[in-house]
Amino acid sequence: MLDQNSLKSARTVAHDARDWSRILGRYRGPDDRRALLELLITAVPFAALSAAAWAALGRGHWAGLLLAIPAAAFLLRLFLIQHDCGHGAFFSRKAANDWTGRILGVLTLTPYAWWQRAHAIHHATSGSLDRRGVGDIDTLTVAEYRARSAWGRARYRMYRHPLVLLGIGPAYMFLLQHRLPVGMMRRGWRPWASALGTNLGIAVAVAAVSSVTGLGVFLLVQLPVALLAATAGIWLFFVQHQFEQTAWDRHPDWTWQDAALHGSSHYDLPAGVRWFTANIGLHHVHHLCSHIPFYRLSRVLRDHPELGEINRLTLLESFRCIRLTLWDEAARRMISFREAGLAA
């Protein structure tokens, strides 16, 4: 991670957050041919790997389950394409983005319109201590944690435990929570239509494929694929905002531009992993201008290399983030339960 001097230097590079937001606007604008190519080179291998795994298991070759790993990587990339569709950044036409997002939502088990709304709230409130709770990972300040009852502290500890965040949590979210418009049940018919329409699409897809493969074979392949992709997706989301020198503020000190630039990480991943994660590691750039297609994010870094040092995390460094659980308002950094206990 950056030390304090490097961090201070990075936060004063060339432009402030508002300037960067304006500069990055020039990279907006989807390329439909590039988008279609990205969709094809992701969806076709995913379908081929799934079919190969079904065929192998159908013949009793359990080694076919190993194909779930690369299939999950392609499914994760399909989710990130769906993510760009939700921002209106993948295709140039809204209808193309929305229908692509809806269809991909059947594969990713994610109701497109419901998720799109929740994710928009996340972008609008990220880093705000006064507007937490929608589309983010629950985070308490040290003072809030200490003010809770013993049971309240225990529940938060359980929630932030790695086995829950990266094991039980992804399974619950994608298999159960996404089946209903949780958090938006009183916001009209659209969230319900999104969730129930996705459920119907999933049921039709399962029935169609299972009629050929058998339900057991289908589930033996697709459940591991879905859960591996879900866990990887939650990990990415966690690291993008839950790192030591992130930024949280209360109003009126909070602005979305500062929260985007300083509260989102640059997860500097190896090239192959970066491809499968659709450049989402450039998360500070994405939050500053969410209408930049993922296939243009790397160009931003080439043109403005100074952005690359802001909140930079390598793959190895990111593993240390899992211990960070509380926001220390005085020290302005994320700390662990242990550090909070020692301070108390």
Protein backbone atom coordinates (compact mmCIF):
# COMPACT_ATOMS: atom_id res chain seq x y z
CA MET A 1 0.00 0.00 0.00
CA LEU A 2 1.00 3.63 -0.35
CA ASP A 3 2.62 5.16 2.71
CA GLN A 4 1.31 8.48 4.04
CA ASN A 5 3.74 10.62 2.02
CA SER A 6 2.98 8.77 -1.19
CA LEU A 7 -0.71 9.00 -0.46
CA LYS A 8 -0.51 12.74 0.08
CA SER A 9 1.43 13.13 -3.14
CA ALA A 10 -1.05 10.99 -5.06
CA ARG A 11 -3.97 13.01 -3.76
CA THR A 12 -2.49 16.24 -5.06
CA VAL A 13 -1.64 15.03 -8.58
CA ALA A 14 -2.22 17.63 -11.27
CA HIS A 15 -5.98 17.97 -10.82
CA ASP A 16 -8.55 17.70 -8.08
CA ALA A 17 -11.44 15.23 -8.23
CA ARG A 18 -13.79 17.65 -10.01
CA ASP A 19 -11.18 18.34 -12.67
CA TRP A 20 -10.65 14.64 -13.22
CA SER A 21 -14.38 14.09 -13.57
CA ARG A 22 -14.47 16.62 -16.42
CA ILE A 23 -11.29 15.30 -18.07
CA LEU A 24 -12.53 11.72 -18.08
CA GLY A 25 -15.75 12.71 -19.81
CA ARG A 26 -13.94 12.67 -23.15
CA TYR A 27 -13.58 8.87 -22.92
CA ARG A 28 -17.33 8.31 -22.83
CA GLY A 29 -19.23 6.87 -25.75
CA PRO A 30 -19.68 3.17 -26.57
CA ASP A 31 -18.36 1.49 -29.70
CA ASP A 32 -21.11 -0.94 -30.75
CA ARG A 33 -18.86 -3.16 -32.84
CA ARG A 34 -16.33 -3.45 -30.02
CA ALA A 35 -19.14 -4.12 -27.55
CA LEU A 36 -20.57 -6.91 -29.69
CA LEU A 37 -17.13 -8.46 -30.03
CA GLU A 38 -16.57 -8.34 -26.26
CA LEU A 39 -19.95 -9.97 -25.70
CA LEU A 40 -19.25 -12.76 -28.20
CA ILE A 41 -15.75 -13.60 -26.93
CA THR A 42 -17.20 -13.89 -23.43
CA ALA A 43 -20.56 -15.58 -23.97
CA VAL A 44 -19.41 -18.19 -26.51
CA PRO A 45 -16.58 -19.62 -24.34
CA PHE A 46 -18.91 -19.61 -21.33
CA ALA A 47 -21.51 -21.62 -23.24
CA ALA A 48 -18.86 -23.99 -24.64
CA LEU A 49 -17.30 -24.65 -21.24
CA SER A 50 -20.70 -25.25 -19.66
CA ALA A 51 -21.70 -27.65 -22.43
CA ALA A 52 -18.39 -29.51 -22.16
CA ALA A 53 -18.84 -29.87 -18.40
CA TRP A 54 -22.41 -31.16 -18.82
CA ALA A 55 -21.27 -33.66 -21.44
CA ALA A 56 -18.35 -34.90 -19.31
CA LEU A 57 -20.51 -35.38 -16.22
CA GLY A 58 -23.22 -37.01 -18.28
CA ARG A 59 -20.66 -39.69 -19.26
CA GLY A 60 -19.52 -40.09 -15.65
CA HIS A 61 -16.29 -38.10 -16.02
CA TRP A 62 -16.16 -36.14 -12.78
CA ALA A 63 -13.05 -34.31 -13.92
CA GLY A 64 -15.47 -32.25 -15.99
CA LEU A 65 -16.23 -30.32 -12.82
CA LEU A 66 -12.82 -28.67 -13.19
CA LEU A 67 -14.30 -26.79 -16.14
CA ALA A 68 -16.44 -24.91 -13.61
CA ILE A 69 -13.41 -22.76 -12.76
CA PRO A 70 -12.84 -21.19 -16.21
CA ALA A 71 -16.61 -21.11 -16.79
CA ALA A 72 -16.99 -19.07 -13.58
CA ALA A 73 -14.34 -16.64 -14.83
CA PHE A 74 -16.32 -16.06 -18.03
CA LEU A 75 -19.56 -15.75 -16.05
CA LEU A 76 -17.92 -13.07 -13.89
CA ARG A 77 -17.01 -11.20 -17.08
CA LEU A 78 -20.61 -11.51 -18.30
CA PHE A 79 -21.75 -9.94 -15.04
CA LEU A 80 -19.36 -7.04 -15.61
CA ILE A 81 -20.77 -6.60 -19.12
CA GLN A 82 -24.21 -6.50 -17.50
CA HIS A 83 -22.75 -3.90 -15.11
CA ASP A 84 -21.70 -1.70 -18.03
CA CYS A 85 -25.15 -2.11 -19.58
CA GLY A 86 -26.64 -0.84 -16.32
CA HIS A 87 -24.56 2.32 -16.65
CA GLY A 88 -25.60 2.77 -20.28
CA ALA A 89 -21.93 2.38 -21.21
CA PHE A 90 -21.81 -0.84 -23.23
CA PHE A 91 -23.96 -0.20 -26.31
CA SER A 92 -24.90 3.20 -27.69
CA ARG A 93 -28.65 2.52 -27.57
CA LYS A 94 -30.54 2.27 -24.31
CA ALA A 95 -32.72 -0.58 -25.55
CA ALA A 96 -29.66 -2.63 -26.53
CA ASN A 97 -28.12 -2.08 -23.09
CA ASP A 98 -31.33 -2.92 -21.26
CA TRP A 99 -32.20 -6.08 -23.17
CA THR A 100 -28.63 -7.34 -23.04
CA GLY A 101 -28.62 -6.65 -19.30
CA ARG A 102 -31.93 -8.46 -18.79
CA ILE A 103 -30.82 -11.55 -20.70
CA LEU A 104 -27.46 -11.67 -18.93
CA GLY A 105 -29.33 -11.30 -15.64
CA VAL A 106 -30.77 -14.79 -16.19
CA LEU A 107 -27.23 -16.20 -16.42
CA THR A 108 -25.85 -14.14 -13.53
CA LEU A 109 -28.96 -14.67 -11.34
CA THR A 110 -29.22 -10.88 -11.00
CA PRO A 111 -32.46 -8.97 -11.77
CA TYR A 112 -31.22 -6.26 -14.09
CA ALA A 113 -33.52 -3.29 -13.32
CA TRP A 114 -33.52 -3.96 -9.56
CA TRP A 115 -29.73 -4.20 -9.48
CA GLN A 116 -29.35 -1.17 -11.75
CA ARG A 117 -31.33 0.98 -9.31
CA ALA A 118 -29.45 -0.26 -6.25
CA HIS A 119 -26.11 0.23 -8.00
CA ALA A 120 -27.02 3.77 -9.03
CA ILE A 121 -27.70 4.54 -5.36
CA HIS A 122 -24.30 3.05 -4.51
CA HIS A 123 -22.58 5.39 -6.97
CA ALA A 124 -24.54 8.38 -5.65
CA THR A 125 -23.78 7.67 -1.97
CA SER A 126 -20.44 5.85 -1.92
CA GLY A 127 -18.22 7.12 0.89
CA SER A 128 -21.02 9.01 2.64
CA LEU A 129 -21.36 8.12 6.32
CA ASP A 130 -24.83 9.67 6.31
CA ARG A 131 -26.23 7.59 3.44
CA ARG A 132 -25.01 4.02 3.95
CA GLY A 133 -27.04 0.88 3.45
CA VAL A 134 -27.93 0.45 -0.23
CA GLY A 135 -25.70 -1.36 -2.69
CA ASP A 136 -22.68 -1.45 -0.40
CA ILE A 137 -21.02 -3.62 2.25
CA ASP A 138 -22.25 -2.66 5.72
CA THR A 139 -19.53 -0.65 7.46
CA LEU A 140 -19.61 0.79 10.98
CA THR A 141 -17.44 3.48 12.47
CA VAL A 142 -15.46 2.65 15.61
CA ALA A 143 -17.82 4.80 17.70
CA GLU A 144 -20.92 3.11 16.25
CA TYR A 145 -19.46 -0.33 16.91
CA ARG A 146 -18.63 0.51 20.53
CA ALA A 147 -22.11 1.95 21.07
CA ARG A 148 -23.76 -1.34 20.11
CA SER A 149 -24.88 -3.98 22.57
CA ALA A 150 -22.80 -7.12 23.00
CA TRP A 151 -25.19 -8.96 20.67
CA GLY A 152 -25.04 -6.11 18.13
CA ARG A 153 -21.24 -6.24 18.10
CA ALA A 154 -21.31 -10.04 17.76
CA ARG A 155 -23.69 -9.83 14.77
CA TYR A 156 -21.46 -7.30 13.05
CA ARG A 157 -18.40 -9.48 13.72
CA MET A 158 -20.18 -12.46 12.19
CA TYR A 159 -21.25 -10.39 9.17
CA ARG A 160 -17.67 -9.21 8.56
CA HIS A 161 -16.12 -12.66 9.02
CA PRO A 162 -14.45 -13.87 5.78
CA LEU A 163 -16.46 -17.12 5.80
CA VAL A 164 -19.67 -15.09 5.81
CA LEU A 165 -18.60 -12.31 3.45
CA LEU A 166 -17.04 -14.64 0.88
CA GLY A 167 -18.89 -17.90 1.53
CA ILE A 168 -22.39 -17.67 2.95
CA GLY A 169 -22.93 -14.09 1.74
CA PRO A 170 -22.51 -14.65 -2.02
CA ALA A 171 -24.64 -17.81 -1.92
CA TYR A 172 -27.39 -16.03 0.00
CA MET A 173 -27.31 -12.94 -2.20
CA PHE A 174 -27.35 -14.57 -5.63
CA LEU A 175 -29.44 -17.66 -4.88
CA LEU A 176 -31.99 -16.19 -2.45
CA GLN A 177 -31.89 -12.41 -1.98
CA HIS A 178 -32.02 -11.67 -5.71
CA ARG A 179 -35.21 -13.68 -6.10
CA LEU A 180 -37.20 -10.81 -4.56
CA PRO A 181 -36.66 -7.02 -4.87
CA VAL A 182 -35.24 -6.81 -1.34
CA GLY A 183 -34.96 -3.18 -0.24
CA MET A 184 -37.27 -1.94 -3.00
CA MET A 185 -40.47 -3.85 -2.35
CA ARG A 186 -42.47 -0.64 -1.86
CA ARG A 187 -41.08 1.21 -4.88
CA GLY A 188 -43.74 0.28 -7.39
CA TRP A 189 -44.07 -2.58 -9.84
CA ARG A 190 -40.77 -2.23 -11.70
CA PRO A 191 -38.52 -3.91 -9.09
CA TRP A 192 -41.04 -6.73 -8.82
CA ALA A 193 -41.22 -7.12 -12.60
CA SER A 194 -37.43 -7.22 -12.76
CA ALA A 195 -37.04 -9.85 -10.03
CA LEU A 196 -39.96 -12.07 -11.05
CA GLY A 197 -39.19 -11.74 -14.76
CA THR A 198 -35.61 -12.86 -14.08
CA ASN A 199 -36.91 -15.76 -11.99
CA LEU A 200 -39.15 -16.82 -14.87
CA GLY A 201 -36.22 -16.63 -17.30
CA ILE A 202 -34.10 -18.74 -14.95
CA ALA A 203 -36.87 -21.34 -14.64
CA VAL A 204 -37.26 -21.56 -18.42
CA ALA A 205 -33.49 -21.86 -18.96
CA VAL A 206 -33.14 -24.54 -16.27
CA ALA A 207 -36.05 -26.53 -17.70
CA ALA A 208 -34.73 -26.30 -21.26
CA VAL A 209 -31.16 -27.35 -20.45
CA SER A 210 -32.20 -29.98 -17.89
CA SER A 211 -34.43 -31.66 -20.47
CA VAL A 212 -31.21 -32.51 -22.31
CA THR A 213 -28.64 -32.93 -19.52
CA GLY A 214 -30.82 -33.98 -16.61
CA LEU A 215 -31.44 -31.73 -13.61
CA GLY A 216 -28.74 -33.34 -11.47
CA VAL A 217 -26.00 -32.84 -14.06
CA PHE A 218 -27.14 -29.27 -14.71
CA LEU A 219 -27.03 -28.33 -11.02
CA LEU A 220 -23.71 -30.10 -10.41
CA VAL A 221 -22.14 -27.82 -13.00
CA GLN A 222 -24.02 -24.55 -12.69
CA LEU A 223 -24.14 -24.22 -8.90
CA PRO A 224 -20.31 -24.30 -8.53
CA VAL A 225 -19.97 -21.97 -11.52
CA ALA A 226 -22.46 -19.48 -10.07
CA LEU A 227 -21.00 -19.60 -6.56
CA LEU A 228 -17.39 -19.24 -7.70
CA ALA A 229 -18.32 -16.25 -9.87
CA ALA A 230 -20.39 -14.73 -7.05
CA THR A 231 -17.56 -15.06 -4.53
CA ALA A 232 -15.08 -13.49 -6.95
CA GLY A 233 -17.52 -10.65 -7.62
CA ILE A 234 -18.07 -9.93 -3.92
CA TRP A 235 -14.31 -9.98 -3.34
CA LEU A 236 -13.77 -7.44 -6.11
CA PHE A 237 -16.48 -5.19 -4.71
CA PHE A 238 -15.01 -5.51 -1.22
CA VAL A 239 -11.46 -4.58 -2.23
CA GLN A 240 -12.67 -1.67 -4.33
CA HIS A 241 -13.94 0.21 -1.28
CA GLN A 242 -12.72 -1.57 1.88
CA PHE A 243 -9.02 -0.72 1.85
CA GLU A 244 -7.02 1.05 4.54
CA GLN A 245 -6.75 4.54 3.08
CA THR A 246 -10.24 4.74 1.61
CA ALA A 247 -12.38 7.83 2.24
CA TRP A 248 -15.59 8.23 4.22
CA ASP A 249 -17.05 11.59 5.18
CA ARG A 250 -20.15 13.16 6.65
CA HIS A 251 -22.05 15.99 5.07
CA PRO A 252 -21.25 18.71 4.21
CA ASP A 253 -17.64 17.53 3.80
CA TRP A 254 -18.65 14.67 1.48
CA THR A 255 -18.71 15.13 -2.31
CA TRP A 256 -19.22 12.31 -4.75
CA GLN A 257 -16.17 13.34 -6.79
CA ASP A 258 -13.79 13.13 -3.81
CA ALA A 259 -15.43 9.90 -2.67
CA ALA A 260 -15.00 8.46 -6.16
CA LEU A 261 -11.33 9.38 -6.52
CA HIS A 262 -10.16 8.72 -2.96
CA GLY A 263 -12.72 6.19 -1.74
CA SER A 264 -12.29 3.71 -4.61
CA SER A 265 -9.16 1.66 -5.19
CA HIS A 266 -7.00 1.03 -8.21
CA TYR A 267 -6.81 -2.75 -7.97
CA ASP A 268 -3.74 -3.37 -10.11
CA LEU A 269 -4.30 -6.95 -11.23
CA PRO A 270 -2.21 -9.18 -13.53
CA ALA A 271 -3.09 -8.79 -17.21
CA GLY A 272 -5.08 -12.02 -17.55
CA VAL A 273 -7.09 -11.36 -14.40
CA ARG A 274 -7.65 -7.79 -15.56
CA TRP A 275 -9.21 -9.12 -18.78
CA PHE A 276 -11.61 -11.44 -16.95
CA THR A 277 -12.56 -8.64 -14.54
CA ALA A 278 -13.18 -6.20 -17.41
CA ASN A 279 -10.84 -3.52 -16.02
CA ILE A 280 -13.11 -3.00 -13.02
CA GLY A 281 -9.95 -2.70 -10.92
CA LEU A 282 -9.68 0.86 -12.24
CA HIS A 283 -12.49 1.57 -9.88
CA HIS A 284 -11.62 5.16 -9.01
CA VAL A 285 -11.77 6.02 -12.72
CA HIS A 286 -15.05 4.12 -13.08
CA HIS A 287 -16.64 5.98 -10.17
CA LEU A 288 -15.49 9.34 -11.50
CA CYS A 289 -17.06 8.60 -14.89
CA SER A 290 -19.26 5.52 -14.92
CA HIS A 291 -20.21 6.05 -18.58
CA ILE A 292 -16.75 5.03 -19.79
CA PRO A 293 -17.00 1.54 -21.35
CA PHE A 294 -14.76 -0.98 -19.61
CA TYR A 295 -12.84 -1.52 -22.85
CA ARG A 296 -11.71 2.14 -22.72
CA LEU A 297 -10.60 2.27 -19.08
CA SER A 298 -7.07 1.05 -19.83
CA ARG A 299 -6.69 3.89 -22.35
CA VAL A 300 -7.43 6.38 -19.56
CA LEU A 301 -4.50 5.02 -17.57
CA ARG A 302 -2.19 5.13 -20.59
CA ASP A 303 -3.09 8.77 -21.21
CA HIS A 304 -2.98 9.75 -17.52
CA PRO A 305 -0.46 7.49 -15.74
CA GLU A 306 -0.61 9.67 -12.62
CA LEU A 307 -4.03 8.15 -11.90
CA GLY A 308 -2.37 4.76 -11.63
CA GLU A 309 -0.71 5.57 -8.29
CA ILE A 310 -3.86 6.74 -6.53
CA ASN A 311 -5.04 4.10 -4.04
CA ARG A 312 -3.07 1.42 -5.87
CA LEU A 313 -3.41 -2.11 -4.51
CA THR A 314 -1.61 -5.16 -5.88
CA LEU A 315 -3.14 -8.62 -5.69
CA LEU A 316 -0.85 -9.57 -2.80
CA GLU A 317 -1.55 -6.36 -0.89
CA SER A 318 -5.29 -6.78 -1.30
CA PHE A 319 -5.40 -9.91 0.85
CA ARG A 320 -4.56 -7.80 3.90
CA CYS A 321 -7.79 -5.85 3.42
CA ILE A 322 -9.95 -8.69 4.70
CA ARG A 323 -8.96 -7.84 8.30
CA LEU A 324 -10.22 -4.25 7.92
CA THR A 325 -13.66 -3.93 9.45
CA LEU A 326 -14.23 -0.48 11.00
CA TRP A 327 -13.84 3.11 9.88
CA ASP A 328 -11.79 5.17 12.34
CA GLU A 329 -13.07 8.74 11.91
CA ALA A 330 -10.22 10.23 13.94
CA ALA A 331 -7.40 8.45 12.09
CA ARG A 332 -9.32 8.52 8.77
CA ARG A 333 -8.57 4.93 7.85
CA MET A 334 -10.05 1.46 8.01
CA ILE A 335 -8.87 -0.59 10.98
CA SER A 336 -9.34 -4.12 12.32
CA PHE A 337 -11.34 -5.27 15.33
CA ARG A 338 -8.01 -5.92 17.05
CA GLU A 339 -6.78 -2.36 16.47
CA ALA A 340 -10.09 -1.00 17.75
CA GLY A 341 -9.77 -3.16 20.87
CA LEU A 342 -6.23 -2.00 21.54
CA ALA A 343 -7.25 1.63 21.11
CA ALA A 344 -10.11 1.16 23.56
